[in-house]
Protein backbone atom coordinates (compact mmCIF):
# COMPACT_ATOMS: atom_id res chain seq x y z
CA MET A 1 64.43 -18.97 7.63
CA SER A 2 65.73 -22.47 6.76
CA GLN A 3 62.98 -24.61 5.20
CA THR A 4 64.71 -27.76 6.20
CA VAL A 5 64.97 -26.78 9.83
CA ASP A 6 61.35 -25.59 9.82
CA ARG A 7 60.13 -28.81 8.48
CA ALA A 8 62.13 -30.91 10.97
CA LEU A 9 60.85 -28.75 13.84
CA SER A 10 57.42 -29.14 12.64
CA ILE A 11 57.66 -32.96 13.16
CA LEU A 12 57.99 -32.52 16.83
CA PRO A 13 54.51 -31.07 17.68
CA LEU A 14 53.00 -33.69 15.26
CA LEU A 15 54.61 -36.46 17.24
CA ALA A 16 53.63 -34.74 20.55
CA GLU A 17 50.04 -35.80 19.50
CA GLY A 18 51.15 -39.45 19.42
CA PRO A 19 53.22 -41.91 17.37
CA ALA A 20 53.04 -41.57 13.58
CA ASP A 21 54.27 -43.44 10.60
CA LEU A 22 56.30 -42.13 7.74
CA GLY A 23 53.23 -41.60 5.47
CA GLN A 24 51.41 -39.61 8.20
CA VAL A 25 54.51 -37.40 8.75
CA ALA A 26 54.92 -36.79 5.05
CA ASP A 27 51.21 -35.95 4.52
CA ARG A 28 51.13 -33.53 7.56
CA LEU A 29 54.25 -31.86 6.25
CA GLY A 30 53.16 -31.85 2.66
CA VAL A 31 56.33 -33.50 1.41
CA HIS A 32 57.37 -36.58 -0.31
CA LYS A 33 58.06 -39.65 1.91
CA SER A 34 61.78 -39.54 1.03
CA THR A 35 62.01 -36.01 2.41
CA ALA A 36 60.13 -36.90 5.58
CA LEU A 37 62.33 -40.00 5.97
CA ARG A 38 65.49 -37.85 5.72
CA LEU A 39 64.23 -35.43 8.33
CA LEU A 40 63.10 -38.30 10.62
CA ARG A 41 66.40 -40.16 10.35
CA THR A 42 68.31 -36.94 11.28
CA LEU A 43 66.02 -36.33 14.19
CA ASN A 44 66.40 -39.97 15.22
CA GLU A 45 70.27 -39.77 14.95
CA HIS A 46 70.20 -36.84 17.43
CA GLY A 47 67.71 -38.54 19.82
CA PHE A 48 64.85 -36.19 19.19
CA VAL A 49 62.57 -38.97 17.79
CA TYR A 50 62.57 -42.67 18.25
CA ARG A 51 61.50 -45.39 15.75
CA GLN A 52 59.36 -47.95 17.33
CA SER A 53 59.31 -51.64 16.31
CA ASP A 54 55.91 -50.92 14.53
CA GLN A 55 57.77 -48.59 12.35
CA ARG A 56 55.99 -45.52 13.87
CA TYR A 57 57.89 -42.56 15.26
CA ARG A 58 57.56 -41.00 18.70
CA LEU A 59 59.26 -38.23 20.58
CA GLY A 60 62.69 -39.32 21.80
CA ALA A 61 64.34 -39.14 25.16
CA ARG A 62 66.83 -36.40 24.13
CA LEU A 63 63.93 -33.93 23.64
CA PHE A 64 62.88 -34.51 27.30
CA ALA A 65 66.46 -34.07 28.52
CA LEU A 66 66.76 -30.79 26.83
CA ALA A 67 63.47 -29.55 28.19
CA GLN A 68 64.52 -30.51 31.74
CA GLU A 69 67.77 -28.62 31.25
CA ALA A 70 65.92 -25.52 29.99
CA MET A 71 63.62 -25.66 33.00
CA GLU A 72 66.46 -25.96 35.45
CA ASN A 73 68.27 -22.91 33.93
CA LEU A 74 65.14 -20.58 33.96
CA ASP A 75 65.38 -17.72 36.40
CA ILE A 76 61.76 -17.33 37.48
CA ARG A 77 62.64 -13.99 39.31
CA GLU A 78 63.85 -12.47 35.95
CA ILE A 79 60.71 -13.68 34.09
CA ALA A 80 58.33 -12.52 36.82
CA HIS A 81 59.84 -9.24 37.65
CA SER A 82 58.12 -7.10 34.98
CA HIS A 83 54.76 -8.76 35.87
CA LEU A 84 55.19 -8.19 39.56
CA VAL A 85 56.04 -4.50 39.01
CA ARG A 86 52.91 -4.07 36.93
CA LEU A 87 50.73 -5.83 39.53
CA ASN A 88 52.20 -3.55 42.21
CA GLU A 89 51.43 -0.49 40.16
CA GLN A 90 47.84 -1.71 39.51
CA CYS A 91 46.89 -2.69 43.04
CA GLY A 92 49.20 -0.33 45.19
CA HIS A 93 50.20 -3.15 47.50
CA THR A 94 53.61 -4.97 48.12
CA VAL A 95 53.96 -7.85 45.88
CA HIS A 96 56.05 -10.89 46.69
CA LEU A 97 56.99 -13.91 44.54
CA ALA A 98 57.03 -17.33 46.38
CA VAL A 99 57.15 -20.93 45.41
CA TYR A 100 54.82 -23.24 47.29
């Protein structure tokens, strides 16, 4: 596993808790501020984090756009199929999947 990618991805759940400054990110990752800054700058360049005017970082709009694309590309029937088969086997009744 890539330590750099792992550290960068670890920043995202941290910022999901709320905006954080460079020191907070470095402390949570257990790295020097220069390492945290390098990671944050890279994530910022790709739109995954945003640096606010108060110098704190928050999740960026690109992350939400990717999440939306992922949701749109999910095939709920494929995901649910094995669960529906198991439910049918357990209860012995016909099982249907519907979206309300």
